[in-house]
Amino acid sequence: MDLSKIKMVVSDMDGTLLNNKHEVSDLFFKLFKELKKRNILFVAASGRQYNSIIDKLAPIKNEIIVVAENGAFVKKSGVELLTTPLEETNVSKILNVAATIPDVHAVLCCKHSAYVSGRSKDFIKMLSQYYTNFNVIDFTKRAPLETLKIALYHFESSENYIYPNLIQLENQLKVKISGPNWVDVSSINAHKGYAIEKLMRLYDIKPNELMVFGDYNNDFEMLALADFSFAMENAHKNIRKIAKYTTTNNDNYGVERILEKLLQQQVNFL
């Protein structure tokens, strides 16, 4: 595996770069400094909101590219590079379908905040693990918002209880099982693959110069772009099938182990 030509590293967050305590390791920050010395770009690509991603990566927030909301919102050093919102008619359509699904909680994800109905205290408590900024509103009285994504949550299983009800929307929208409890619905072009492809063009990155890490179905399209695609040991079976390589799980420094190999093949690694 020749990693000497890598110019861009892209990593998902939850289940990938973050451990199961939702933490970024000190080792990663050390390795990032070495990536930067070699002019290797780092992209954090997540279903999380922008503010939540930079909160986790605060020491390097001005030195990385952030692909938030599954690719609907991209920023670098505070500068917006891409925004792909949902049309308001689709927002209403998704919320109407969600209202028919028992025990489902909806999150309207916008640029600077997220919005929830607040009908479940347990859900609100859990939400703070993923969303730095959110507000409780009455969806029936809400003013139209520029919504980037609608995230739907079920405490037991997104794949069993949410996704089957949303298959009907897949010909118009991007519907992604993004975690054991989450399904994300966005514009047809608002996905991580679309965003990373735009960045590849912007920075003139070829597939053999791209390294991508992921663990769940919302990582599928971006993994398909890279010659060096890595599925985490804890990844969904669909991701293990498409990725060209595997690494250890997110609690065992899966991303960091590969970055060490990458740096060892670069000149003057200390």
C-alpha atoms as a PDB file:
ATOM      1  CA  MET A   1       0.000   0.000   0.000  1.00  0.00           C
ATOM      2  CA  ASP A   2       1.788   3.098  -1.293  1.00  0.00           C
ATOM      3  CA  LEU A   3       0.546   6.112   0.683  1.00  0.00           C
ATOM      4  CA  SER A   4       3.329   8.456  -0.390  1.00  0.00           C
ATOM      5  CA  LYS A   5       1.131  10.469  -2.778  1.00  0.00           C
ATOM      6  CA  ILE A   6      -1.707  11.279  -0.369  1.00  0.00           C
ATOM      7  CA  LYS A   7      -2.641  14.984  -0.403  1.00  0.00           C
ATOM      8  CA  MET A   8      -6.019  14.926   1.370  1.00  0.00           C
ATOM      9  CA  VAL A   9      -7.333  12.918   4.335  1.00  0.00           C
ATOM     10  CA  VAL A  10     -11.085  12.801   5.000  1.00  0.00           C
ATOM     11  CA  SER A  11     -12.575  11.333   8.152  1.00  0.00           C
ATOM     12  CA  ASP A  12     -16.077  10.806   9.437  1.00  0.00           C
ATOM     13  CA  MET A  13     -16.535  11.731  13.109  1.00  0.00           C
ATOM     14  CA  ASP A  14     -18.894   9.498  15.139  1.00  0.00           C
ATOM     15  CA  GLY A  15     -17.829   5.876  15.114  1.00  0.00           C
ATOM     16  CA  THR A  16     -14.663   6.816  13.229  1.00  0.00           C
ATOM     17  CA  LEU A  17     -12.423   9.632  14.499  1.00  0.00           C
ATOM     18  CA  LEU A  18     -14.364   9.965  17.760  1.00  0.00           C
ATOM     19  CA  ASN A  19     -14.153   7.154  20.290  1.00  0.00           C
ATOM     20  CA  ASN A  20     -17.280   5.826  21.985  1.00  0.00           C
ATOM     21  CA  LYS A  21     -17.040   8.613  24.551  1.00  0.00           C
ATOM     22  CA  HIS A  22     -17.320  11.128  21.666  1.00  0.00           C
ATOM     23  CA  GLU A  23     -13.703  12.236  22.173  1.00  0.00           C
ATOM     24  CA  VAL A  24     -10.845  13.019  19.777  1.00  0.00           C
ATOM     25  CA  SER A  25      -7.532  11.513  20.921  1.00  0.00           C
ATOM     26  CA  ASP A  26      -4.442  13.536  21.804  1.00  0.00           C
ATOM     27  CA  LEU A  27      -2.583  11.313  19.345  1.00  0.00           C
ATOM     28  CA  PHE A  28      -4.727  12.566  16.474  1.00  0.00           C
ATOM     29  CA  PHE A  29      -3.846  16.207  17.213  1.00  0.00           C
ATOM     30  CA  LYS A  30      -0.152  15.266  17.263  1.00  0.00           C
ATOM     31  CA  LEU A  31      -0.480  13.497  13.917  1.00  0.00           C
ATOM     32  CA  PHE A  32      -2.427  16.404  12.453  1.00  0.00           C
ATOM     33  CA  LYS A  33       0.560  18.695  13.061  1.00  0.00           C
ATOM     34  CA  GLU A  34       2.676  16.343  10.983  1.00  0.00           C
ATOM     35  CA  LEU A  35       0.062  16.236   8.220  1.00  0.00           C
ATOM     36  CA  LYS A  36       0.056  20.019   8.129  1.00  0.00           C
ATOM     37  CA  LYS A  37       3.849  20.159   7.851  1.00  0.00           C
ATOM     38  CA  ARG A  38       3.562  18.064   4.719  1.00  0.00           C
ATOM     39  CA  ASN A  39       0.721  20.188   3.254  1.00  0.00           C
ATOM     40  CA  ILE A  40      -1.741  17.309   3.533  1.00  0.00           C
ATOM     41  CA  LEU A  41      -5.269  18.688   3.844  1.00  0.00           C
ATOM     42  CA  PHE A  42      -7.558  17.323   6.555  1.00  0.00           C
ATOM     43  CA  VAL A  43     -11.334  17.236   6.134  1.00  0.00           C
ATOM     44  CA  ALA A  44     -13.782  16.390   8.929  1.00  0.00           C
ATOM     45  CA  ALA A  45     -16.924  15.055   7.221  1.00  0.00           C
ATOM     46  CA  SER A  46     -19.884  14.375   9.470  1.00  0.00           C
ATOM     47  CA  GLY A  47     -23.627  14.302   9.819  1.00  0.00           C
ATOM     48  CA  ARG A  48     -23.097  16.589  12.807  1.00  0.00           C
ATOM     49  CA  GLN A  49     -23.781  20.325  12.657  1.00  0.00           C
ATOM     50  CA  TYR A  50     -20.854  22.623  11.908  1.00  0.00           C
ATOM     51  CA  ASN A  51     -20.644  24.026  15.455  1.00  0.00           C
ATOM     52  CA  SER A  52     -20.528  20.542  16.958  1.00  0.00           C
ATOM     53  CA  ILE A  53     -17.675  19.469  14.665  1.00  0.00           C
ATOM     54  CA  ILE A  54     -15.497  22.477  15.412  1.00  0.00           C
ATOM     55  CA  ASP A  55     -16.239  22.064  19.109  1.00  0.00           C
ATOM     56  CA  LYS A  56     -14.686  18.580  18.943  1.00  0.00           C
ATOM     57  CA  LEU A  57     -11.751  19.850  16.862  1.00  0.00           C
ATOM     58  CA  ALA A  58     -11.381  23.261  18.525  1.00  0.00           C
ATOM     59  CA  PRO A  59      -7.533  23.364  18.630  1.00  0.00           C
ATOM     60  CA  ILE A  60      -7.344  23.042  14.835  1.00  0.00           C
ATOM     61  CA  LYS A  61     -10.698  24.519  13.757  1.00  0.00           C
ATOM     62  CA  ASN A  62      -9.088  27.223  11.617  1.00  0.00           C
ATOM     63  CA  GLU A  63      -6.738  24.793   9.881  1.00  0.00           C
ATOM     64  CA  ILE A  64      -9.180  22.198   8.567  1.00  0.00           C
ATOM     65  CA  ILE A  65     -12.057  21.879   6.123  1.00  0.00           C
ATOM     66  CA  VAL A  66     -15.407  21.003   7.679  1.00  0.00           C
ATOM     67  CA  VAL A  67     -18.075  19.086   5.767  1.00  0.00           C
ATOM     68  CA  ALA A  68     -21.132  19.295   8.022  1.00  0.00           C
ATOM     69  CA  GLU A  69     -24.717  18.020   7.842  1.00  0.00           C
ATOM     70  CA  ASN A  70     -23.719  15.093   5.602  1.00  0.00           C
ATOM     71  CA  GLY A  71     -22.283  17.406   2.959  1.00  0.00           C
ATOM     72  CA  ALA A  72     -24.991  20.080   2.882  1.00  0.00           C
ATOM     73  CA  PHE A  73     -22.690  22.680   4.464  1.00  0.00           C
ATOM     74  CA  VAL A  74     -18.931  23.104   3.867  1.00  0.00           C
ATOM     75  CA  LYS A  75     -16.626  25.707   5.451  1.00  0.00           C
ATOM     76  CA  LYS A  76     -12.884  26.346   5.662  1.00  0.00           C
ATOM     77  CA  SER A  77     -11.460  28.848   8.156  1.00  0.00           C
ATOM     78  CA  GLY A  78     -14.935  30.313   8.593  1.00  0.00           C
ATOM     79  CA  VAL A  79     -15.451  30.785   4.852  1.00  0.00           C
ATOM     80  CA  GLU A  80     -18.482  29.097   3.320  1.00  0.00           C
ATOM     81  CA  LEU A  81     -17.565  26.894   0.342  1.00  0.00           C
ATOM     82  CA  LEU A  82     -20.831  25.044  -0.314  1.00  0.00           C
ATOM     83  CA  THR A  83     -24.450  25.118   0.866  1.00  0.00           C
ATOM     84  CA  THR A  84     -27.128  22.731  -0.436  1.00  0.00           C
ATOM     85  CA  PRO A  85     -30.416  23.344   1.421  1.00  0.00           C
ATOM     86  CA  LEU A  86     -33.714  21.491   1.257  1.00  0.00           C
ATOM     87  CA  GLU A  87     -36.630  23.140  -0.530  1.00  0.00           C
ATOM     88  CA  GLU A  88     -39.347  24.227   1.911  1.00  0.00           C
ATOM     89  CA  THR A  89     -41.912  21.964   0.209  1.00  0.00           C
ATOM     90  CA  ASN A  90     -39.656  18.980   0.921  1.00  0.00           C
ATOM     91  CA  VAL A  91     -39.198  20.043   4.548  1.00  0.00           C
ATOM     92  CA  SER A  92     -42.966  19.897   5.031  1.00  0.00           C
ATOM     93  CA  LYS A  93     -43.167  16.585   3.189  1.00  0.00           C
ATOM     94  CA  ILE A  94     -40.509  14.959   5.385  1.00  0.00           C
ATOM     95  CA  LEU A  95     -42.054  16.270   8.606  1.00  0.00           C
ATOM     96  CA  ASN A  96     -45.471  14.978   7.529  1.00  0.00           C
ATOM     97  CA  VAL A  97     -44.063  11.491   6.966  1.00  0.00           C
ATOM     98  CA  ALA A  98     -42.112  11.626  10.238  1.00  0.00           C
ATOM     99  CA  ALA A  99     -45.295  12.505  12.118  1.00  0.00           C
ATOM    100  CA  THR A 100     -46.782   9.140  11.091  1.00  0.00           C
ATOM    101  CA  ILE A 101     -43.884   7.105  12.545  1.00  0.00           C
ATOM    102  CA  PRO A 102     -44.295   6.135  16.210  1.00  0.00           C
ATOM    103  CA  ASP A 103     -41.613   7.256  18.680  1.00  0.00           C
ATOM    104  CA  VAL A 104     -39.594   9.232  16.125  1.00  0.00           C
ATOM    105  CA  HIS A 105     -37.959  12.553  16.958  1.00  0.00           C
ATOM    106  CA  ALA A 106     -37.181  15.112  14.244  1.00  0.00           C
ATOM    107  CA  VAL A 107     -34.362  17.671  14.160  1.00  0.00           C
ATOM    108  CA  LEU A 108     -34.370  20.525  11.648  1.00  0.00           C
ATOM    109  CA  CYS A 109     -30.696  21.216  10.942  1.00  0.00           C
ATOM    110  CA  CYS A 110     -29.877  24.755   9.827  1.00  0.00           C
ATOM    111  CA  LYS A 111     -26.609  26.645   9.355  1.00  0.00           C
ATOM    112  CA  HIS A 112     -26.281  28.142  12.806  1.00  0.00           C
ATOM    113  CA  SER A 113     -28.655  26.093  14.928  1.00  0.00           C
ATOM    114  CA  ALA A 114     -30.911  23.047  15.016  1.00  0.00           C
ATOM    115  CA  TYR A 115     -34.581  22.993  15.977  1.00  0.00           C
ATOM    116  CA  VAL A 116     -36.569  20.326  17.829  1.00  0.00           C
ATOM    117  CA  SER A 117     -40.121  20.035  19.094  1.00  0.00           C
ATOM    118  CA  GLY A 118     -39.108  19.349  22.695  1.00  0.00           C
ATOM    119  CA  ARG A 119     -41.791  16.748  23.356  1.00  0.00           C
ATOM    120  CA  SER A 120     -39.302  14.298  24.926  1.00  0.00           C
ATOM    121  CA  LYS A 121     -36.969  15.265  27.776  1.00  0.00           C
ATOM    122  CA  ASP A 122     -34.921  12.085  27.236  1.00  0.00           C
ATOM    123  CA  PHE A 123     -34.379  13.032  23.603  1.00  0.00           C
ATOM    124  CA  ILE A 124     -33.361  16.592  24.468  1.00  0.00           C
ATOM    125  CA  LYS A 125     -30.852  15.250  27.001  1.00  0.00           C
ATOM    126  CA  MET A 126     -29.361  12.839  24.436  1.00  0.00           C
ATOM    127  CA  LEU A 127     -29.270  15.505  21.725  1.00  0.00           C
ATOM    128  CA  SER A 128     -26.667  17.584  23.530  1.00  0.00           C
ATOM    129  CA  GLN A 129     -24.098  14.859  22.737  1.00  0.00           C
ATOM    130  CA  TYR A 130     -24.422  15.688  19.028  1.00  0.00           C
ATOM    131  CA  TYR A 131     -25.676  19.289  18.786  1.00  0.00           C
ATOM    132  CA  THR A 132     -23.891  22.245  20.349  1.00  0.00           C
ATOM    133  CA  ASN A 133     -26.620  24.706  19.357  1.00  0.00           C
ATOM    134  CA  PHE A 134     -30.306  23.837  19.270  1.00  0.00           C
ATOM    135  CA  ASN A 135     -33.632  25.468  20.091  1.00  0.00           C
ATOM    136  CA  VAL A 136     -37.021  24.078  21.055  1.00  0.00           C
ATOM    137  CA  ILE A 137     -39.896  25.265  18.832  1.00  0.00           C
ATOM    138  CA  ASP A 138     -43.397  24.304  17.817  1.00  0.00           C
ATOM    139  CA  PHE A 139     -43.027  22.812  14.321  1.00  0.00           C
ATOM    140  CA  THR A 140     -46.662  23.611  13.481  1.00  0.00           C
ATOM    141  CA  LYS A 141     -46.040  27.329  14.066  1.00  0.00           C
ATOM    142  CA  ARG A 142     -42.499  27.603  12.723  1.00  0.00           C
ATOM    143  CA  ALA A 143     -41.479  30.230  10.202  1.00  0.00           C
ATOM    144  CA  PRO A 144     -39.825  28.889   7.020  1.00  0.00           C
ATOM    145  CA  LEU A 145     -36.136  28.232   7.705  1.00  0.00           C
ATOM    146  CA  GLU A 146     -33.273  27.433   5.338  1.00  0.00           C
ATOM    147  CA  THR A 147     -33.017  23.805   6.369  1.00  0.00           C
ATOM    148  CA  LEU A 148     -29.916  21.855   5.366  1.00  0.00           C
ATOM    149  CA  LYS A 149     -31.076  18.456   6.603  1.00  0.00           C
ATOM    150  CA  ILE A 150     -33.730  16.755   8.704  1.00  0.00           C
ATOM    151  CA  ALA A 151     -32.344  14.190  11.134  1.00  0.00           C
ATOM    152  CA  LEU A 152     -34.751  11.589  12.506  1.00  0.00           C
ATOM    153  CA  TYR A 153     -34.018   9.619  15.669  1.00  0.00           C
ATOM    154  CA  HIS A 154     -35.417   6.410  17.174  1.00  0.00           C
ATOM    155  CA  PHE A 155     -34.169   5.153  20.534  1.00  0.00           C
ATOM    156  CA  GLU A 156     -34.195   1.497  19.366  1.00  0.00           C
ATOM    157  CA  SER A 157     -33.276   1.286  15.664  1.00  0.00           C
ATOM    158  CA  SER A 158     -33.235   3.697  12.730  1.00  0.00           C
ATOM    159  CA  GLU A 159     -32.869   0.853  10.232  1.00  0.00           C
ATOM    160  CA  ASN A 160     -35.919  -1.047  11.499  1.00  0.00           C
ATOM    161  CA  TYR A 161     -38.300   1.735  12.498  1.00  0.00           C
ATOM    162  CA  ILE A 162     -37.492   4.861  10.481  1.00  0.00           C
ATOM    163  CA  TYR A 163     -35.924   3.923   7.152  1.00  0.00           C
ATOM    164  CA  PRO A 164     -38.735   1.626   5.877  1.00  0.00           C
ATOM    165  CA  ASN A 165     -41.156   4.565   6.102  1.00  0.00           C
ATOM    166  CA  LEU A 166     -38.878   6.846   4.078  1.00  0.00           C
ATOM    167  CA  ILE A 167     -38.019   4.569   1.148  1.00  0.00           C
ATOM    168  CA  GLN A 168     -40.829   6.277  -0.770  1.00  0.00           C
ATOM    169  CA  LEU A 169     -38.804   9.527  -0.763  1.00  0.00           C
ATOM    170  CA  GLU A 170     -35.558   8.111  -2.176  1.00  0.00           C
ATOM    171  CA  ASN A 171     -36.350   9.033  -5.793  1.00  0.00           C
ATOM    172  CA  GLN A 172     -36.545  12.730  -4.795  1.00  0.00           C
ATOM    173  CA  LEU A 173     -34.267  13.086  -1.781  1.00  0.00           C
ATOM    174  CA  LYS A 174     -31.113  11.651  -0.224  1.00  0.00           C
ATOM    175  CA  VAL A 175     -32.171   9.303   2.573  1.00  0.00           C
ATOM    176  CA  LYS A 176     -29.299   7.925   4.639  1.00  0.00           C
ATOM    177  CA  ILE A 177     -29.082   5.647   7.665  1.00  0.00           C
ATOM    178  CA  SER A 178     -26.316   7.589   9.379  1.00  0.00           C
ATOM    179  CA  GLY A 179     -26.100   5.645  12.640  1.00  0.00           C
ATOM    180  CA  PRO A 180     -27.815   2.935  14.701  1.00  0.00           C
ATOM    181  CA  ASN A 181     -30.480   5.458  15.776  1.00  0.00           C
ATOM    182  CA  TRP A 182     -30.366   8.116  13.046  1.00  0.00           C
ATOM    183  CA  VAL A 183     -31.729   8.599   9.532  1.00  0.00           C
ATOM    184  CA  ASP A 184     -30.823  11.818   7.683  1.00  0.00           C
ATOM    185  CA  VAL A 185     -32.892  13.281   4.850  1.00  0.00           C
ATOM    186  CA  SER A 186     -31.502  16.029   2.637  1.00  0.00           C
ATOM    187  CA  SER A 187     -31.419  17.387  -0.902  1.00  0.00           C
ATOM    188  CA  ILE A 188     -30.491  14.798  -3.531  1.00  0.00           C
ATOM    189  CA  ASN A 189     -27.050  16.443  -3.920  1.00  0.00           C
ATOM    190  CA  ALA A 190     -26.449  17.024  -0.212  1.00  0.00           C
ATOM    191  CA  HIS A 191     -24.234  14.101   0.671  1.00  0.00           C
ATOM    192  CA  LYS A 192     -20.603  13.649   1.663  1.00  0.00           C
ATOM    193  CA  GLY A 193     -19.563  12.302  -1.732  1.00  0.00           C
ATOM    194  CA  TYR A 194     -20.889  15.364  -3.568  1.00  0.00           C
ATOM    195  CA  ALA A 195     -19.085  17.696  -1.154  1.00  0.00           C
ATOM    196  CA  ILE A 196     -15.776  15.803  -1.281  1.00  0.00           C
ATOM    197  CA  GLU A 197     -15.914  15.650  -5.071  1.00  0.00           C
ATOM    198  CA  LYS A 198     -16.265  19.459  -5.115  1.00  0.00           C
ATOM    199  CA  LEU A 199     -13.233  19.754  -2.825  1.00  0.00           C
ATOM    200  CA  MET A 200     -11.230  17.375  -5.008  1.00  0.00           C
ATOM    201  CA  ARG A 201     -11.850  19.647  -7.978  1.00  0.00           C
ATOM    202  CA  LEU A 202     -11.089  22.785  -5.979  1.00  0.00           C
ATOM    203  CA  TYR A 203      -7.745  21.448  -4.704  1.00  0.00           C
ATOM    204  CA  ASP A 204      -6.919  19.289  -7.733  1.00  0.00           C
ATOM    205  CA  ILE A 205      -6.935  16.014  -5.781  1.00  0.00           C
ATOM    206  CA  LYS A 206      -6.933  12.718  -7.695  1.00  0.00           C
ATOM    207  CA  PRO A 207      -8.377   9.432  -6.342  1.00  0.00           C
ATOM    208  CA  ASN A 208      -4.873   8.051  -5.664  1.00  0.00           C
ATOM    209  CA  GLU A 209      -4.138  11.179  -3.577  1.00  0.00           C
ATOM    210  CA  LEU A 210      -7.222  10.781  -1.384  1.00  0.00           C
ATOM    211  CA  MET A 211      -7.604   8.811   1.875  1.00  0.00           C
ATOM    212  CA  VAL A 212     -11.099   8.419   3.386  1.00  0.00           C
ATOM    213  CA  PHE A 213     -12.320   6.835   6.657  1.00  0.00           C
ATOM    214  CA  GLY A 214     -15.926   5.913   7.456  1.00  0.00           C
ATOM    215  CA  ASP A 215     -18.211   3.604   9.363  1.00  0.00           C
ATOM    216  CA  TYR A 216     -21.830   4.104   8.292  1.00  0.00           C
ATOM    217  CA  ASN A 217     -24.064   4.349   5.222  1.00  0.00           C
ATOM    218  CA  ASN A 218     -23.795   8.135   4.973  1.00  0.00           C
ATOM    219  CA  ASP A 219     -20.076   7.605   4.232  1.00  0.00           C
ATOM    220  CA  PHE A 220     -20.746   5.369   1.225  1.00  0.00           C
ATOM    221  CA  GLU A 221     -20.380   7.966  -1.573  1.00  0.00           C
ATOM    222  CA  MET A 222     -17.209   9.572  -0.257  1.00  0.00           C
ATOM    223  CA  LEU A 223     -15.506   6.204   0.278  1.00  0.00           C
ATOM    224  CA  ALA A 224     -16.244   5.356  -3.356  1.00  0.00           C
ATOM    225  CA  LEU A 225     -14.165   8.368  -4.500  1.00  0.00           C
ATOM    226  CA  ALA A 226     -10.872   7.288  -2.950  1.00  0.00           C
ATOM    227  CA  ASP A 227      -8.243   4.743  -3.952  1.00  0.00           C
ATOM    228  CA  PHE A 228      -7.456   4.544  -0.231  1.00  0.00           C
ATOM    229  CA  SER A 229     -10.821   4.023   1.456  1.00  0.00           C
ATOM    230  CA  PHE A 230     -10.884   2.555   4.970  1.00  0.00           C
ATOM    231  CA  ALA A 231     -13.796   0.968   6.824  1.00  0.00           C
ATOM    232  CA  MET A 232     -13.582   0.924  10.586  1.00  0.00           C
ATOM    233  CA  GLU A 233     -13.679  -2.492  12.250  1.00  0.00           C
ATOM    234  CA  ASN A 234     -16.978  -1.366  13.811  1.00  0.00           C
ATOM    235  CA  ALA A 235     -18.418  -0.279  10.427  1.00  0.00           C
ATOM    236  CA  HIS A 236     -21.802  -1.222   8.987  1.00  0.00           C
ATOM    237  CA  LYS A 237     -21.621  -4.248   6.679  1.00  0.00           C
ATOM    238  CA  ASN A 238     -22.386  -2.056   3.623  1.00  0.00           C
ATOM    239  CA  ILE A 239     -19.319   0.067   4.349  1.00  0.00           C
ATOM    240  CA  ARG A 240     -17.054  -2.933   4.872  1.00  0.00           C
ATOM    241  CA  LYS A 241     -18.129  -4.165   1.423  1.00  0.00           C
ATOM    242  CA  ILE A 242     -17.306  -0.965  -0.464  1.00  0.00           C
ATOM    243  CA  ALA A 243     -14.114   0.097   1.352  1.00  0.00           C
ATOM    244  CA  LYS A 244     -10.860  -1.128  -0.165  1.00  0.00           C
ATOM    245  CA  TYR A 245      -9.168  -1.502   3.234  1.00  0.00           C
ATOM    246  CA  THR A 246     -10.068  -1.898   6.902  1.00  0.00           C
ATOM    247  CA  THR A 247      -8.614  -0.574  10.133  1.00  0.00           C
ATOM    248  CA  THR A 248      -9.174  -1.160  13.839  1.00  0.00           C
ATOM    249  CA  ASN A 249     -12.242   0.211  15.609  1.00  0.00           C
ATOM    250  CA  ASN A 250     -12.804   3.758  16.791  1.00  0.00           C
ATOM    251  CA  ASP A 251     -11.921   2.855  20.383  1.00  0.00           C
ATOM    252  CA  ASN A 252      -8.605   1.369  19.227  1.00  0.00           C
ATOM    253  CA  TYR A 253      -7.166   4.328  17.247  1.00  0.00           C
ATOM    254  CA  GLY A 254      -8.324   3.021  13.867  1.00  0.00           C
ATOM    255  CA  VAL A 255      -7.789   6.339  12.060  1.00  0.00           C
ATOM    256  CA  GLU A 256      -4.588   7.202  13.907  1.00  0.00           C
ATOM    257  CA  ARG A 257      -2.934   3.851  13.108  1.00  0.00           C
ATOM    258  CA  ILE A 258      -3.342   4.454   9.379  1.00  0.00           C
ATOM    259  CA  LEU A 259      -2.206   8.077   9.654  1.00  0.00           C
ATOM    260  CA  GLU A 260       0.982   6.843  11.312  1.00  0.00           C
ATOM    261  CA  LYS A 261       1.567   4.535   8.319  1.00  0.00           C
ATOM    262  CA  LEU A 262       0.877   7.431   5.960  1.00  0.00           C
ATOM    263  CA  LEU A 263       3.372   9.683   7.699  1.00  0.00           C
ATOM    264  CA  GLN A 264       6.011   6.967   7.812  1.00  0.00           C
ATOM    265  CA  GLN A 265       5.907   6.914   4.016  1.00  0.00           C
ATOM    266  CA  GLN A 266       6.238  10.690   3.758  1.00  0.00           C
ATOM    267  CA  VAL A 267       9.654  12.368   3.713  1.00  0.00           C
ATOM    268  CA  ASN A 268      11.216  13.445   7.021  1.00  0.00           C
ATOM    269  CA  PHE A 269       8.605  12.004   9.368  1.00  0.00           C
ATOM    270  CA  LEU A 270       9.781  12.524  12.949  1.00  0.00           C
END
